[in-house]
Amino acid sequence: MLDDKLLEILACPKCKGDLEYDRKNEKLICHKCKLAYAIKDDIPIMLIDEAEKLK
């Protein structure tokens, strides 16, 4: 589980927009870019090339 303070400062690396924390699927979602960034071992993987494209 990510710390609330960390969630406040994290932004999408592509558009610098806000991210939504999907606790159930352990992902950070950017609705503007339609990308989901995985969280592994409580560490967000904020690499654009590794982000999952949403439909």
N, C-alpha and C. Protein backbone atom coordinates (compact mmCIF):
# COMPACT_ATOMS: atom_id res chain seq x y z
N MET A 1 0.84 -1.19 0.00
CA MET A 1 0.00 0.00 0.00
C MET A 1 0.88 1.25 0.00
N LEU A 2 0.55 2.17 -0.86
CA LEU A 2 1.34 3.39 -0.98
C LEU A 2 0.97 4.40 0.11
N ASP A 3 1.96 5.14 0.53
CA ASP A 3 1.79 6.19 1.52
C ASP A 3 0.98 7.35 0.91
N ASP A 4 0.08 7.92 1.69
CA ASP A 4 -0.76 9.01 1.19
C ASP A 4 0.06 10.23 0.76
N LYS A 5 1.15 10.51 1.46
CA LYS A 5 1.99 11.66 1.09
C LYS A 5 2.64 11.44 -0.26
N LEU A 6 3.06 10.21 -0.53
CA LEU A 6 3.65 9.88 -1.83
C LEU A 6 2.62 10.05 -2.93
N LEU A 7 1.40 9.61 -2.68
CA LEU A 7 0.33 9.74 -3.68
C LEU A 7 0.04 11.19 -4.03
N GLU A 8 0.19 12.07 -3.05
CA GLU A 8 -0.08 13.49 -3.28
C GLU A 8 0.93 14.12 -4.24
N ILE A 9 2.17 13.64 -4.22
CA ILE A 9 3.20 14.28 -5.05
C ILE A 9 3.44 13.58 -6.38
N LEU A 10 2.98 12.35 -6.52
CA LEU A 10 3.19 11.63 -7.78
C LEU A 10 2.33 12.22 -8.89
N ALA A 11 2.91 12.28 -10.08
CA ALA A 11 2.19 12.76 -11.26
C ALA A 11 2.55 11.87 -12.43
N CYS A 12 1.70 11.86 -13.41
CA CYS A 12 1.96 11.09 -14.62
C CYS A 12 3.24 11.60 -15.27
N PRO A 13 4.19 10.71 -15.57
CA PRO A 13 5.43 11.17 -16.19
C PRO A 13 5.25 11.68 -17.63
N LYS A 14 4.16 11.31 -18.25
CA LYS A 14 3.92 11.74 -19.65
C LYS A 14 3.29 13.12 -19.71
N CYS A 15 2.20 13.33 -18.96
CA CYS A 15 1.47 14.61 -19.06
C CYS A 15 1.57 15.47 -17.81
N LYS A 16 2.18 14.93 -16.77
CA LYS A 16 2.31 15.61 -15.46
C LYS A 16 0.97 15.80 -14.77
N GLY A 17 -0.04 15.04 -15.20
CA GLY A 17 -1.37 15.15 -14.61
C GLY A 17 -1.53 14.28 -13.37
N ASP A 18 -2.71 14.38 -12.78
CA ASP A 18 -3.03 13.63 -11.57
C ASP A 18 -3.19 12.15 -11.88
N LEU A 19 -2.90 11.34 -10.85
CA LEU A 19 -3.05 9.90 -10.96
C LEU A 19 -4.09 9.43 -9.96
N GLU A 20 -4.83 8.42 -10.34
CA GLU A 20 -5.80 7.78 -9.45
C GLU A 20 -5.19 6.47 -8.97
N TYR A 21 -5.27 6.22 -7.67
CA TYR A 21 -4.72 5.00 -7.10
C TYR A 21 -5.79 3.91 -7.10
N ASP A 22 -5.56 2.87 -7.88
CA ASP A 22 -6.45 1.71 -7.92
C ASP A 22 -5.88 0.68 -6.94
N ARG A 23 -6.39 0.72 -5.70
CA ARG A 23 -5.87 -0.14 -4.63
C ARG A 23 -6.10 -1.61 -4.93
N LYS A 24 -7.23 -1.94 -5.52
CA LYS A 24 -7.57 -3.34 -5.79
C LYS A 24 -6.58 -3.98 -6.76
N ASN A 25 -6.24 -3.27 -7.83
CA ASN A 25 -5.35 -3.81 -8.87
C ASN A 25 -3.90 -3.36 -8.73
N GLU A 26 -3.62 -2.56 -7.68
CA GLU A 26 -2.26 -2.07 -7.43
C GLU A 26 -1.68 -1.36 -8.65
N LYS A 27 -2.41 -0.32 -9.09
CA LYS A 27 -1.97 0.47 -10.24
C LYS A 27 -2.26 1.94 -10.01
N LEU A 28 -1.49 2.78 -10.66
CA LEU A 28 -1.76 4.21 -10.70
C LEU A 28 -2.26 4.52 -12.11
N ILE A 29 -3.40 5.19 -12.19
CA ILE A 29 -4.06 5.40 -13.47
C ILE A 29 -4.08 6.88 -13.83
N CYS A 30 -3.66 7.16 -15.07
CA CYS A 30 -3.79 8.50 -15.63
C CYS A 30 -4.92 8.43 -16.64
N HIS A 31 -6.02 9.10 -16.33
CA HIS A 31 -7.17 9.07 -17.23
C HIS A 31 -6.93 9.91 -18.49
N LYS A 32 -6.13 10.95 -18.37
CA LYS A 32 -5.86 11.82 -19.52
C LYS A 32 -5.06 11.07 -20.59
N CYS A 33 -4.01 10.36 -20.18
CA CYS A 33 -3.15 9.62 -21.12
C CYS A 33 -3.66 8.20 -21.37
N LYS A 34 -4.61 7.76 -20.56
CA LYS A 34 -5.15 6.39 -20.64
C LYS A 34 -4.03 5.36 -20.45
N LEU A 35 -3.24 5.60 -19.37
CA LEU A 35 -2.16 4.69 -19.01
C LEU A 35 -2.31 4.25 -17.57
N ALA A 36 -1.89 3.03 -17.29
CA ALA A 36 -1.89 2.50 -15.93
C ALA A 36 -0.46 2.07 -15.60
N TYR A 37 0.05 2.60 -14.49
CA TYR A 37 1.40 2.28 -14.04
C TYR A 37 1.31 1.25 -12.92
N ALA A 38 2.04 0.17 -13.08
CA ALA A 38 2.02 -0.91 -12.09
C ALA A 38 2.73 -0.50 -10.81
N ILE A 39 2.33 -1.14 -9.72
CA ILE A 39 2.99 -0.97 -8.44
C ILE A 39 3.48 -2.34 -8.02
N LYS A 40 4.80 -2.48 -7.85
CA LYS A 40 5.39 -3.77 -7.47
C LYS A 40 6.14 -3.60 -6.17
N ASP A 41 5.81 -4.42 -5.19
CA ASP A 41 6.44 -4.36 -3.86
C ASP A 41 6.37 -2.95 -3.28
N ASP A 42 5.20 -2.31 -3.42
CA ASP A 42 4.94 -0.95 -2.93
C ASP A 42 5.78 0.12 -3.61
N ILE A 43 6.31 -0.18 -4.79
CA ILE A 43 7.09 0.80 -5.56
C ILE A 43 6.41 1.03 -6.90
N PRO A 44 5.98 2.27 -7.17
CA PRO A 44 5.35 2.56 -8.46
C PRO A 44 6.38 2.52 -9.59
N ILE A 45 6.05 1.83 -10.65
CA ILE A 45 6.91 1.74 -11.83
C ILE A 45 6.43 2.82 -12.81
N MET A 46 7.09 3.97 -12.75
CA MET A 46 6.63 5.15 -13.48
C MET A 46 7.35 5.33 -14.82
N LEU A 47 7.53 4.25 -15.55
CA LEU A 47 8.16 4.30 -16.87
C LEU A 47 7.07 4.25 -17.94
N ILE A 48 7.06 5.23 -18.80
CA ILE A 48 6.03 5.33 -19.83
C ILE A 48 6.02 4.08 -20.71
N ASP A 49 7.19 3.58 -21.06
CA ASP A 49 7.29 2.41 -21.94
C ASP A 49 6.73 1.13 -21.29
N GLU A 50 6.69 1.10 -19.95
CA GLU A 50 6.20 -0.09 -19.25
C GLU A 50 4.75 0.06 -18.79
N ALA A 51 4.14 1.20 -19.03
CA ALA A 51 2.77 1.45 -18.62
C ALA A 51 1.80 0.64 -19.49
N GLU A 52 0.71 0.24 -18.88
CA GLU A 52 -0.34 -0.50 -19.59
C GLU A 52 -1.29 0.51 -20.23
N LYS A 53 -1.57 0.31 -21.51
CA LYS A 53 -2.51 1.20 -22.21
C LYS A 53 -3.93 0.77 -21.90
N LEU A 54 -4.75 1.75 -21.49
CA LEU A 54 -6.15 1.48 -21.18
C LEU A 54 -7.02 1.72 -22.40
N LYS A 55 -8.15 1.07 -22.43
CA LYS A 55 -9.07 1.22 -23.57
C LYS A 55 -10.04 2.33 -23.33
